[in-house]
Amino acid sequence: MAIIILIYILIVLIVALVLFAIAQIKLAGIKVKDFWSFIEANQTLEKLYRFAKKYERLTAQEQLIFLSEAEKVFDAFDKVPNILWEEEYQKYMDVLDKYKNIKVARWTQN
């Protein structure tokens, strides 16, 4: 019986914490969906950053993939306040520079 009560209390506590987190996100003026996409984009930004640093030359297919993924990251980062991602600013700028370089290179080829 004590175990059931303990499990119930833990479940109620977890639900309360989740609701509190959602309330804080909404109070900050962010939609929960946008915040979740920001979290996913943060992981993608890390991958793009490592990829941009590792490879100087990309094939046309790799360029298209990089551009597509970078645009998703930029869109997600634009939907949240800058203070949330100020720690990732340098990675963001490095990926943005690589994005711009690829765009310019593709534009001059056409």
PDB file of N, CA and C in Angstrom:
ATOM      1  N   MET A   1       0.823  -1.190   0.000  1.00  0.00           N
ATOM      2  CA  MET A   1       0.000   0.000   0.000  1.00  0.00           C
ATOM      3  C   MET A   1       0.872   1.261   0.000  1.00  0.00           C
ATOM      4  N   ALA A   2       1.944   1.240   0.753  1.00  0.00           N
ATOM      5  CA  ALA A   2       2.827   2.409   0.836  1.00  0.00           C
ATOM      6  C   ALA A   2       3.521   2.667  -0.501  1.00  0.00           C
ATOM      7  N   ILE A   3       3.825   1.599  -1.216  1.00  0.00           N
ATOM      8  CA  ILE A   3       4.472   1.743  -2.516  1.00  0.00           C
ATOM      9  C   ILE A   3       3.535   2.416  -3.515  1.00  0.00           C
ATOM     10  N   ILE A   4       2.275   2.049  -3.492  1.00  0.00           N
ATOM     11  CA  ILE A   4       1.282   2.640  -4.396  1.00  0.00           C
ATOM     12  C   ILE A   4       1.136   4.136  -4.111  1.00  0.00           C
ATOM     13  N   ILE A   5       1.111   4.495  -2.843  1.00  0.00           N
ATOM     14  CA  ILE A   5       1.004   5.905  -2.469  1.00  0.00           C
ATOM     15  C   ILE A   5       2.250   6.671  -2.915  1.00  0.00           C
ATOM     16  N   LEU A   6       3.396   6.077  -2.750  1.00  0.00           N
ATOM     17  CA  LEU A   6       4.650   6.693  -3.162  1.00  0.00           C
ATOM     18  C   LEU A   6       4.681   6.899  -4.675  1.00  0.00           C
ATOM     19  N   ILE A   7       4.259   5.901  -5.430  1.00  0.00           N
ATOM     20  CA  ILE A   7       4.204   6.008  -6.891  1.00  0.00           C
ATOM     21  C   ILE A   7       3.227   7.107  -7.297  1.00  0.00           C
ATOM     22  N   TYR A   8       2.081   7.152  -6.638  1.00  0.00           N
ATOM     23  CA  TYR A   8       1.091   8.186  -6.940  1.00  0.00           C
ATOM     24  C   TYR A   8       1.663   9.582  -6.679  1.00  0.00           C
ATOM     25  N   ILE A   9       2.329   9.758  -5.570  1.00  0.00           N
ATOM     26  CA  ILE A   9       2.932  11.049  -5.228  1.00  0.00           C
ATOM     27  C   ILE A   9       3.989  11.440  -6.263  1.00  0.00           C
ATOM     28  N   LEU A  10       4.811  10.484  -6.679  1.00  0.00           N
ATOM     29  CA  LEU A  10       5.835  10.762  -7.685  1.00  0.00           C
ATOM     30  C   LEU A  10       5.220  11.164  -9.020  1.00  0.00           C
ATOM     31  N   ILE A  11       4.161  10.487  -9.420  1.00  0.00           N
ATOM     32  CA  ILE A  11       3.483  10.824 -10.674  1.00  0.00           C
ATOM     33  C   ILE A  11       2.889  12.224 -10.601  1.00  0.00           C
ATOM     34  N   VAL A  12       2.245  12.542  -9.495  1.00  0.00           N
ATOM     35  CA  VAL A  12       1.667  13.883  -9.319  1.00  0.00           C
ATOM     36  C   VAL A  12       2.777  14.934  -9.342  1.00  0.00           C
ATOM     37  N   LEU A  13       3.897  14.661  -8.712  1.00  0.00           N
ATOM     38  CA  LEU A  13       5.024  15.586  -8.691  1.00  0.00           C
ATOM     39  C   LEU A  13       5.597  15.809 -10.095  1.00  0.00           C
ATOM     40  N   ILE A  14       5.736  14.745 -10.856  1.00  0.00           N
ATOM     41  CA  ILE A  14       6.252  14.853 -12.226  1.00  0.00           C
ATOM     42  C   ILE A  14       5.306  15.674 -13.098  1.00  0.00           C
ATOM     43  N   VAL A  15       4.011  15.405 -12.991  1.00  0.00           N
ATOM     44  CA  VAL A  15       3.018  16.158 -13.763  1.00  0.00           C
ATOM     45  C   VAL A  15       3.054  17.633 -13.362  1.00  0.00           C
ATOM     46  N   ALA A  16       3.179  17.918 -12.086  1.00  0.00           N
ATOM     47  CA  ALA A  16       3.241  19.304 -11.610  1.00  0.00           C
ATOM     48  C   ALA A  16       4.483  20.006 -12.154  1.00  0.00           C
ATOM     49  N   LEU A  17       5.609  19.320 -12.173  1.00  0.00           N
ATOM     50  CA  LEU A  17       6.837  19.916 -12.713  1.00  0.00           C
ATOM     51  C   LEU A  17       6.718  20.201 -14.210  1.00  0.00           C
ATOM     52  N   VAL A  18       6.128  19.294 -14.952  1.00  0.00           N
ATOM     53  CA  VAL A  18       5.932  19.497 -16.389  1.00  0.00           C
ATOM     54  C   VAL A  18       4.998  20.680 -16.636  1.00  0.00           C
ATOM     55  N   LEU A  19       3.919  20.748 -15.883  1.00  0.00           N
ATOM     56  CA  LEU A  19       2.987  21.869 -16.039  1.00  0.00           C
ATOM     57  C   LEU A  19       3.644  23.198 -15.662  1.00  0.00           C
ATOM     58  N   PHE A  20       4.473  23.187 -14.633  1.00  0.00           N
ATOM     59  CA  PHE A  20       5.202  24.384 -14.239  1.00  0.00           C
ATOM     60  C   PHE A  20       6.166  24.826 -15.339  1.00  0.00           C
ATOM     61  N   ALA A  21       6.853  23.869 -15.944  1.00  0.00           N
ATOM     62  CA  ALA A  21       7.783  24.195 -17.037  1.00  0.00           C
ATOM     63  C   ALA A  21       7.028  24.778 -18.227  1.00  0.00           C
ATOM     64  N   ILE A  22       5.901  24.196 -18.568  1.00  0.00           N
ATOM     65  CA  ILE A  22       5.091  24.711 -19.679  1.00  0.00           C
ATOM     66  C   ILE A  22       4.595  26.119 -19.369  1.00  0.00           C
ATOM     67  N   ALA A  23       4.174  26.352 -18.128  1.00  0.00           N
ATOM     68  CA  ALA A  23       3.716  27.686 -17.737  1.00  0.00           C
ATOM     69  C   ALA A  23       4.853  28.701 -17.851  1.00  0.00           C
ATOM     70  N   GLN A  24       6.050  28.333 -17.454  1.00  0.00           N
ATOM     71  CA  GLN A  24       7.191  29.240 -17.549  1.00  0.00           C
ATOM     72  C   GLN A  24       7.524  29.560 -19.007  1.00  0.00           C
ATOM     73  N   ILE A  25       7.441  28.564 -19.863  1.00  0.00           N
ATOM     74  CA  ILE A  25       7.706  28.784 -21.292  1.00  0.00           C
ATOM     75  C   ILE A  25       6.670  29.736 -21.876  1.00  0.00           C
ATOM     76  N   LYS A  26       5.424  29.538 -21.522  1.00  0.00           N
ATOM     77  CA  LYS A  26       4.366  30.405 -22.039  1.00  0.00           C
ATOM     78  C   LYS A  26       4.482  31.814 -21.469  1.00  0.00           C
ATOM     79  N   LEU A  27       4.874  31.940 -20.201  1.00  0.00           N
ATOM     80  CA  LEU A  27       5.062  33.260 -19.610  1.00  0.00           C
ATOM     81  C   LEU A  27       6.200  34.026 -20.286  1.00  0.00           C
ATOM     82  N   ALA A  28       7.161  33.309 -20.811  1.00  0.00           N
ATOM     83  CA  ALA A  28       8.268  33.944 -21.522  1.00  0.00           C
ATOM     84  C   ALA A  28       7.845  34.383 -22.923  1.00  0.00           C
ATOM     85  N   GLY A  29       6.620  34.054 -23.309  1.00  0.00           N
ATOM     86  CA  GLY A  29       6.114  34.465 -24.615  1.00  0.00           C
ATOM     87  C   GLY A  29       6.499  33.531 -25.745  1.00  0.00           C
ATOM     88  N   ILE A  30       6.834  32.312 -25.398  1.00  0.00           N
ATOM     89  CA  ILE A  30       7.257  31.336 -26.398  1.00  0.00           C
ATOM     90  C   ILE A  30       6.194  30.246 -26.471  1.00  0.00           C
ATOM     91  N   LYS A  31       5.912  29.812 -27.679  1.00  0.00           N
ATOM     92  CA  LYS A  31       5.023  28.659 -27.834  1.00  0.00           C
ATOM     93  C   LYS A  31       5.815  27.403 -27.504  1.00  0.00           C
ATOM     94  N   VAL A  32       5.154  26.441 -26.899  1.00  0.00           N
ATOM     95  CA  VAL A  32       5.823  25.200 -26.503  1.00  0.00           C
ATOM     96  C   VAL A  32       6.379  24.491 -27.732  1.00  0.00           C
ATOM     97  N   LYS A  33       5.639  24.512 -28.817  1.00  0.00           N
ATOM     98  CA  LYS A  33       6.096  23.875 -30.055  1.00  0.00           C
ATOM     99  C   LYS A  33       7.377  24.546 -30.562  1.00  0.00           C
ATOM    100  N   ASP A  34       7.422  25.874 -30.503  1.00  0.00           N
ATOM    101  CA  ASP A  34       8.619  26.600 -30.932  1.00  0.00           C
ATOM    102  C   ASP A  34       9.806  26.289 -30.025  1.00  0.00           C
ATOM    103  N   PHE A  35       9.555  26.165 -28.730  1.00  0.00           N
ATOM    104  CA  PHE A  35      10.630  25.844 -27.793  1.00  0.00           C
ATOM    105  C   PHE A  35      11.167  24.440 -28.059  1.00  0.00           C
ATOM    106  N   TRP A  36      10.270  23.507 -28.339  1.00  0.00           N
ATOM    107  CA  TRP A  36      10.711  22.143 -28.625  1.00  0.00           C
ATOM    108  C   TRP A  36      11.511  22.101 -29.929  1.00  0.00           C
ATOM    109  N   SER A  37      11.068  22.845 -30.938  1.00  0.00           N
ATOM    110  CA  SER A  37      11.820  22.871 -32.192  1.00  0.00           C
ATOM    111  C   SER A  37      13.175  23.539 -31.983  1.00  0.00           C
ATOM    112  N   PHE A  38      13.262  24.492 -31.058  1.00  0.00           N
ATOM    113  CA  PHE A  38      14.544  25.112 -30.719  1.00  0.00           C
ATOM    114  C   PHE A  38      15.488  24.083 -30.097  1.00  0.00           C
ATOM    115  N   ILE A  39      14.980  23.244 -29.218  1.00  0.00           N
ATOM    116  CA  ILE A  39      15.810  22.209 -28.601  1.00  0.00           C
ATOM    117  C   ILE A  39      16.342  21.252 -29.666  1.00  0.00           C
ATOM    118  N   GLU A  40      15.485  20.835 -30.575  1.00  0.00           N
ATOM    119  CA  GLU A  40      15.921  19.953 -31.657  1.00  0.00           C
ATOM    120  C   GLU A  40      16.904  20.662 -32.579  1.00  0.00           C
ATOM    121  N   ALA A  41      16.656  21.938 -32.861  1.00  0.00           N
ATOM    122  CA  ALA A  41      17.549  22.702 -33.736  1.00  0.00           C
ATOM    123  C   ALA A  41      18.913  22.904 -33.085  1.00  0.00           C
ATOM    124  N   ASN A  42      18.935  22.980 -31.776  1.00  0.00           N
ATOM    125  CA  ASN A  42      20.197  23.119 -31.057  1.00  0.00           C
ATOM    126  C   ASN A  42      21.077  21.887 -31.279  1.00  0.00           C
ATOM    127  N   GLN A  43      20.466  20.729 -31.287  1.00  0.00           N
ATOM    128  CA  GLN A  43      21.206  19.499 -31.563  1.00  0.00           C
ATOM    129  C   GLN A  43      21.690  19.487 -33.015  1.00  0.00           C
ATOM    130  N   THR A  44      20.849  19.936 -33.918  1.00  0.00           N
ATOM    131  CA  THR A  44      21.227  19.995 -35.328  1.00  0.00           C
ATOM    132  C   THR A  44      22.340  21.012 -35.550  1.00  0.00           C
ATOM    133  N   LEU A  45      22.277  22.130 -34.817  1.00  0.00           N
ATOM    134  CA  LEU A  45      23.322  23.150 -34.925  1.00  0.00           C
ATOM    135  C   LEU A  45      24.682  22.570 -34.560  1.00  0.00           C
ATOM    136  N   GLU A  46      24.721  21.762 -33.519  1.00  0.00           N
ATOM    137  CA  GLU A  46      25.975  21.131 -33.104  1.00  0.00           C
ATOM    138  C   GLU A  46      26.532  20.246 -34.223  1.00  0.00           C
ATOM    139  N   LYS A  47      25.666  19.485 -34.860  1.00  0.00           N
ATOM    140  CA  LYS A  47      26.101  18.614 -35.956  1.00  0.00           C
ATOM    141  C   LYS A  47      26.583  19.436 -37.151  1.00  0.00           C
ATOM    142  N   LEU A  48      25.835  20.484 -37.499  1.00  0.00           N
ATOM    143  CA  LEU A  48      26.233  21.335 -38.618  1.00  0.00           C
ATOM    144  C   LEU A  48      27.548  22.049 -38.334  1.00  0.00           C
ATOM    145  N   TYR A  49      27.734  22.457 -37.096  1.00  0.00           N
ATOM    146  CA  TYR A  49      28.972  23.135 -36.709  1.00  0.00           C
ATOM    147  C   TYR A  49      30.173  22.208 -36.893  1.00  0.00           C
ATOM    148  N   ARG A  50      30.049  20.988 -36.397  1.00  0.00           N
ATOM    149  CA  ARG A  50      31.141  20.012 -36.564  1.00  0.00           C
ATOM    150  C   ARG A  50      31.370  19.713 -38.041  1.00  0.00           C
ATOM    151  N   PHE A  51      30.298  19.589 -38.792  1.00  0.00           N
ATOM    152  CA  PHE A  51      30.390  19.301 -40.221  1.00  0.00           C
ATOM    153  C   PHE A  51      31.064  20.458 -40.959  1.00  0.00           C
ATOM    154  N   ALA A  52      30.686  21.689 -40.631  1.00  0.00           N
ATOM    155  CA  ALA A  52      31.255  22.863 -41.290  1.00  0.00           C
ATOM    156  C   ALA A  52      32.744  22.999 -40.992  1.00  0.00           C
ATOM    157  N   LYS A  53      33.145  22.633 -39.785  1.00  0.00           N
ATOM    158  CA  LYS A  53      34.555  22.724 -39.416  1.00  0.00           C
ATOM    159  C   LYS A  53      35.382  21.604 -40.042  1.00  0.00           C
ATOM    160  N   LYS A  54      34.771  20.458 -40.244  1.00  0.00           N
ATOM    161  CA  LYS A  54      35.503  19.289 -40.721  1.00  0.00           C
ATOM    162  C   LYS A  54      35.725  19.318 -42.231  1.00  0.00           C
ATOM    163  N   TYR A  55      34.721  19.744 -42.969  1.00  0.00           N
ATOM    164  CA  TYR A  55      34.789  19.672 -44.426  1.00  0.00           C
ATOM    165  C   TYR A  55      34.872  21.061 -45.041  1.00  0.00           C
ATOM    166  N   GLU A  56      35.900  21.285 -45.811  1.00  0.00           N
ATOM    167  CA  GLU A  56      36.043  22.555 -46.513  1.00  0.00           C
ATOM    168  C   GLU A  56      35.272  22.528 -47.834  1.00  0.00           C
ATOM    169  N   ARG A  57      35.381  21.420 -48.559  1.00  0.00           N
ATOM    170  CA  ARG A  57      34.686  21.300 -49.843  1.00  0.00           C
ATOM    171  C   ARG A  57      33.548  20.298 -49.702  1.00  0.00           C
ATOM    172  N   LEU A  58      32.407  20.683 -50.254  1.00  0.00           N
ATOM    173  CA  LEU A  58      31.237  19.827 -50.205  1.00  0.00           C
ATOM    174  C   LEU A  58      30.757  19.557 -51.620  1.00  0.00           C
ATOM    175  N   THR A  59      30.221  18.377 -51.829  1.00  0.00           N
ATOM    176  CA  THR A  59      29.612  18.072 -53.115  1.00  0.00           C
ATOM    177  C   THR A  59      28.305  18.857 -53.229  1.00  0.00           C
ATOM    178  N   ALA A  60      27.745  18.891 -54.408  1.00  0.00           N
ATOM    179  CA  ALA A  60      26.496  19.613 -54.622  1.00  0.00           C
ATOM    180  C   ALA A  60      25.383  19.058 -53.738  1.00  0.00           C
ATOM    181  N   GLN A  61      25.332  17.742 -53.595  1.00  0.00           N
ATOM    182  CA  GLN A  61      24.314  17.105 -52.756  1.00  0.00           C
ATOM    183  C   GLN A  61      24.511  17.494 -51.285  1.00  0.00           C
ATOM    184  N   GLU A  62      25.756  17.471 -50.818  1.00  0.00           N
ATOM    185  CA  GLU A  62      26.051  17.842 -49.433  1.00  0.00           C
ATOM    186  C   GLU A  62      25.728  19.318 -49.189  1.00  0.00           C
ATOM    187  N   GLN A  63      25.971  20.151 -50.182  1.00  0.00           N
ATOM    188  CA  GLN A  63      25.634  21.568 -50.051  1.00  0.00           C
ATOM    189  C   GLN A  63      24.137  21.771 -49.879  1.00  0.00           C
ATOM    190  N   LEU A  64      23.356  21.061 -50.686  1.00  0.00           N
ATOM    191  CA  LEU A  64      21.900  21.181 -50.582  1.00  0.00           C
ATOM    192  C   LEU A  64      21.396  20.726 -49.222  1.00  0.00           C
ATOM    193  N   ILE A  65      21.935  19.639 -48.734  1.00  0.00           N
ATOM    194  CA  ILE A  65      21.537  19.125 -47.418  1.00  0.00           C
ATOM    195  C   ILE A  65      21.933  20.127 -46.338  1.00  0.00           C
ATOM    196  N   PHE A  66      23.157  20.631 -46.413  1.00  0.00           N
ATOM    197  CA  PHE A  66      23.618  21.607 -45.432  1.00  0.00           C
ATOM    198  C   PHE A  66      22.734  22.848 -45.442  1.00  0.00           C
ATOM    199  N   LEU A  67      22.430  23.365 -46.624  1.00  0.00           N
ATOM    200  CA  LEU A  67      21.591  24.556 -46.732  1.00  0.00           C
ATOM    201  C   LEU A  67      20.202  24.318 -46.151  1.00  0.00           C
ATOM    202  N   SER A  68      19.628  23.175 -46.465  1.00  0.00           N
ATOM    203  CA  SER A  68      18.290  22.848 -45.968  1.00  0.00           C
ATOM    204  C   SER A  68      18.266  22.748 -44.450  1.00  0.00           C
ATOM    205  N   GLU A  69      19.218  22.027 -43.884  1.00  0.00           N
ATOM    206  CA  GLU A  69      19.266  21.862 -42.429  1.00  0.00           C
ATOM    207  C   GLU A  69      19.584  23.181 -41.733  1.00  0.00           C
ATOM    208  N   ALA A  70      20.455  23.977 -42.323  1.00  0.00           N
ATOM    209  CA  ALA A  70      20.803  25.265 -41.725  1.00  0.00           C
ATOM    210  C   ALA A  70      19.589  26.198 -41.708  1.00  0.00           C
ATOM    211  N   GLU A  71      18.797  26.188 -42.771  1.00  0.00           N
ATOM    212  CA  GLU A  71      17.603  27.028 -42.806  1.00  0.00           C
ATOM    213  C   GLU A  71      16.613  26.629 -41.718  1.00  0.00           C
ATOM    214  N   LYS A  72      16.484  25.339 -41.448  1.00  0.00           N
ATOM    215  CA  LYS A  72      15.614  24.877 -40.368  1.00  0.00           C
ATOM    216  C   LYS A  72      16.116  25.381 -39.021  1.00  0.00           C
ATOM    217  N   VAL A  73      17.428  25.318 -38.828  1.00  0.00           N
ATOM    218  CA  VAL A  73      18.023  25.786 -37.568  1.00  0.00           C
ATOM    219  C   VAL A  73      17.794  27.288 -37.408  1.00  0.00           C
ATOM    220  N   PHE A  74      18.045  28.057 -38.466  1.00  0.00           N
ATOM    221  CA  PHE A  74      17.873  29.500 -38.393  1.00  0.00           C
ATOM    222  C   PHE A  74      16.419  29.863 -38.078  1.00  0.00           C
ATOM    223  N   ASP A  75      15.493  29.146 -38.690  1.00  0.00           N
ATOM    224  CA  ASP A  75      14.074  29.406 -38.445  1.00  0.00           C
ATOM    225  C   ASP A  75      13.710  29.138 -36.991  1.00  0.00           C
ATOM    226  N   ALA A  76      14.185  28.026 -36.446  1.00  0.00           N
ATOM    227  CA  ALA A  76      13.877  27.681 -35.060  1.00  0.00           C
ATOM    228  C   ALA A  76      14.519  28.673 -34.094  1.00  0.00           C
ATOM    229  N   PHE A  77      15.734  29.101 -34.379  1.00  0.00           N
ATOM    230  CA  PHE A  77      16.417  30.040 -33.496  1.00  0.00           C
ATOM    231  C   PHE A  77      15.765  31.421 -33.541  1.00  0.00           C
ATOM    232  N   ASP A  78      15.168  31.785 -34.676  1.00  0.00           N
ATOM    233  CA  ASP A  78      14.502  33.082 -34.796  1.00  0.00           C
ATOM    234  C   ASP A  78      13.231  33.162 -33.961  1.00  0.00           C
ATOM    235  N   LYS A  79      12.653  32.023 -33.619  1.00  0.00           N
ATOM    236  CA  LYS A  79      11.381  32.005 -32.902  1.00  0.00           C
ATOM    237  C   LYS A  79      11.531  32.109 -31.385  1.00  0.00           C
ATOM    238  N   VAL A  80      12.743  32.058 -30.890  1.00  0.00           N
ATOM    239  CA  VAL A  80      12.961  32.152 -29.441  1.00  0.00           C
ATOM    240  C   VAL A  80      13.838  33.370 -29.148  1.00  0.00           C
ATOM    241  N   PRO A  81      13.751  33.902 -27.924  1.00  0.00           N
ATOM    242  CA  PRO A  81      14.579  35.060 -27.575  1.00  0.00           C
ATOM    243  C   PRO A  81      16.073  34.738 -27.642  1.00  0.00           C
ATOM    244  N   ASN A  82      16.855  35.734 -27.995  1.00  0.00           N
ATOM    245  CA  ASN A  82      18.296  35.557 -28.143  1.00  0.00           C
ATOM    246  C   ASN A  82      18.975  35.128 -26.848  1.00  0.00           C
ATOM    247  N   ILE A  83      18.429  35.504 -25.725  1.00  0.00           N
ATOM    248  CA  ILE A  83      19.058  35.161 -24.453  1.00  0.00           C
ATOM    249  C   ILE A  83      19.112  33.650 -24.223  1.00  0.00           C
ATOM    250  N   LEU A  84      18.209  32.911 -24.850  1.00  0.00           N
ATOM    251  CA  LEU A  84      18.207  31.453 -24.696  1.00  0.00           C
ATOM    252  C   LEU A  84      19.378  30.789 -25.406  1.00  0.00           C
ATOM    253  N   TRP A  85      19.884  31.429 -26.438  1.00  0.00           N
ATOM    254  CA  TRP A  85      20.930  30.772 -27.223  1.00  0.00           C
ATOM    255  C   TRP A  85      22.210  31.587 -27.318  1.00  0.00           C
ATOM    256  N   GLU A  86      22.435  32.470 -26.353  1.00  0.00           N
ATOM    257  CA  GLU A  86      23.649  33.278 -26.409  1.00  0.00           C
ATOM    258  C   GLU A  86      24.910  32.437 -26.223  1.00  0.00           C
ATOM    259  N   GLU A  87      24.809  31.299 -25.569  1.00  0.00           N
ATOM    260  CA  GLU A  87      25.961  30.401 -25.411  1.00  0.00           C
ATOM    261  C   GLU A  87      26.325  29.733 -26.733  1.00  0.00           C
ATOM    262  N   GLU A  88      25.367  29.588 -27.604  1.00  0.00           N
ATOM    263  CA  GLU A  88      25.571  28.939 -28.893  1.00  0.00           C
ATOM    264  C   GLU A  88      25.830  29.946 -30.009  1.00  0.00           C
ATOM    265  N   TYR A  89      26.002  31.214 -29.654  1.00  0.00           N
ATOM    266  CA  TYR A  89      26.111  32.277 -30.642  1.00  0.00           C
ATOM    267  C   TYR A  89      27.264  32.045 -31.625  1.00  0.00           C
ATOM    268  N   GLN A  90      28.435  31.662 -31.121  1.00  0.00           N
ATOM    269  CA  GLN A  90      29.591  31.482 -32.005  1.00  0.00           C
ATOM    270  C   GLN A  90      29.369  30.333 -32.987  1.00  0.00           C
ATOM    271  N   LYS A  91      28.783  29.239 -32.516  1.00  0.00           N
ATOM    272  CA  LYS A  91      28.472  28.126 -33.415  1.00  0.00           C
ATOM    273  C   LYS A  91      27.463  28.568 -34.475  1.00  0.00           C
ATOM    274  N   TYR A  92      26.454  29.319 -34.028  1.00  0.00           N
ATOM    275  CA  TYR A  92      25.437  29.831 -34.944  1.00  0.00           C
ATOM    276  C   TYR A  92      26.083  30.683 -36.026  1.00  0.00           C
ATOM    277  N   MET A  93      26.971  31.570 -35.626  1.00  0.00           N
ATOM    278  CA  MET A  93      27.628  32.459 -36.588  1.00  0.00           C
ATOM    279  C   MET A  93      28.546  31.688 -37.542  1.00  0.00           C
ATOM    280  N   ASP A  94      29.235  30.671 -37.044  1.00  0.00           N
ATOM    281  CA  ASP A  94      30.087  29.858 -37.914  1.00  0.00           C
ATOM    282  C   ASP A  94      29.264  29.112 -38.956  1.00  0.00           C
ATOM    283  N   VAL A  95      28.149  28.557 -38.528  1.00  0.00           N
ATOM    284  CA  VAL A  95      27.264  27.859 -39.465  1.00  0.00           C
ATOM    285  C   VAL A  95      26.666  28.863 -40.452  1.00  0.00           C
ATOM    286  N   LEU A  96      26.313  30.044 -39.969  1.00  0.00           N
ATOM    287  CA  LEU A  96      25.773  31.078 -40.851  1.00  0.00           C
ATOM    288  C   LEU A  96      26.813  31.511 -41.886  1.00  0.00           C
ATOM    289  N   ASP A  97      28.051  31.643 -41.479  1.00  0.00           N
ATOM    290  CA  ASP A  97      29.113  32.001 -42.432  1.00  0.00           C
ATOM    291  C   ASP A  97      29.278  30.936 -43.507  1.00  0.00           C
ATOM    292  N   LYS A  98      29.287  29.675 -43.089  1.00  0.00           N
ATOM    293  CA  LYS A  98      29.399  28.577 -44.055  1.00  0.00           C
ATOM    294  C   LYS A  98      28.187  28.586 -44.996  1.00  0.00           C
ATOM    295  N   TYR A  99      27.005  28.830 -44.435  1.00  0.00           N
ATOM    296  CA  TYR A  99      25.776  28.918 -45.226  1.00  0.00           C
ATOM    297  C   TYR A  99      25.895  30.014 -46.285  1.00  0.00           C
ATOM    298  N   LYS A 100      26.367  31.190 -45.862  1.00  0.00           N
ATOM    299  CA  LYS A 100      26.522  32.304 -46.798  1.00  0.00           C
ATOM    300  C   LYS A 100      27.543  31.975 -47.881  1.00  0.00           C
ATOM    301  N   ASN A 101      28.650  31.353 -47.500  1.00  0.00           N
ATOM    302  CA  ASN A 101      29.681  30.987 -48.474  1.00  0.00           C
ATOM    303  C   ASN A 101      29.141  30.013 -49.515  1.00  0.00           C
ATOM    304  N   ILE A 102      28.381  29.041 -49.068  1.00  0.00           N
ATOM    305  CA  ILE A 102      27.794  28.069 -50.004  1.00  0.00           C
ATOM    306  C   ILE A 102      26.794  28.761 -50.921  1.00  0.00           C
ATOM    307  N   LYS A 103      25.965  29.643 -50.363  1.00  0.00           N
ATOM    308  CA  LYS A 103      24.980  30.361 -51.175  1.00  0.00           C
ATOM    309  C   LYS A 103      25.670  31.202 -52.242  1.00  0.00           C
ATOM    310  N   VAL A 104      26.726  31.907 -51.863  1.00  0.00           N
ATOM    311  CA  VAL A 104      27.458  32.735 -52.821  1.00  0.00           C
ATOM    312  C   VAL A 104      28.111  31.877 -53.885  1.00  0.00           C
ATOM    313  N   ALA A 105      28.718  30.773 -53.470  1.00  0.00           N
ATOM    314  CA  ALA A 105      29.379  29.876 -54.437  1.00  0.00           C
ATOM    315  C   ALA A 105      28.360  29.300 -55.413  1.00  0.00           C
ATOM    316  N   ARG A 106      27.201  28.902 -54.914  1.00  0.00           N
ATOM    317  CA  ARG A 106      26.181  28.334 -55.802  1.00  0.00           C
ATOM    318  C   ARG A 106      25.618  29.421 -56.716  1.00  0.00           C
ATOM    319  N   TRP A 107      25.509  30.649 -56.226  1.00  0.00           N
ATOM    320  CA  TRP A 107      24.994  31.738 -57.033  1.00  0.00           C
ATOM    321  C   TRP A 107      25.956  32.088 -58.154  1.00  0.00           C
ATOM    322  N   THR A 108      27.253  32.088 -57.848  1.00  0.00           N
ATOM    323  CA  THR A 108      28.235  32.415 -58.896  1.00  0.00           C
ATOM    324  C   THR A 108      28.347  31.309 -59.931  1.00  0.00           C
ATOM    325  N   GLN A 109      28.074  30.067 -59.541  1.00  0.00           N
ATOM    326  CA  GLN A 109      28.116  28.959 -60.499  1.00  0.00           C
ATOM    327  C   GLN A 109      26.978  29.055 -61.502  1.00  0.00           C
ATOM    328  N   ASN A 110      25.855  29.559 -61.053  1.00  0.00           N
ATOM    329  CA  ASN A 110      24.678  29.668 -61.927  1.00  0.00           C
ATOM    330  C   ASN A 110      24.819  30.940 -62.690  1.00  0.00           C
TER     331      ASN A 110
END
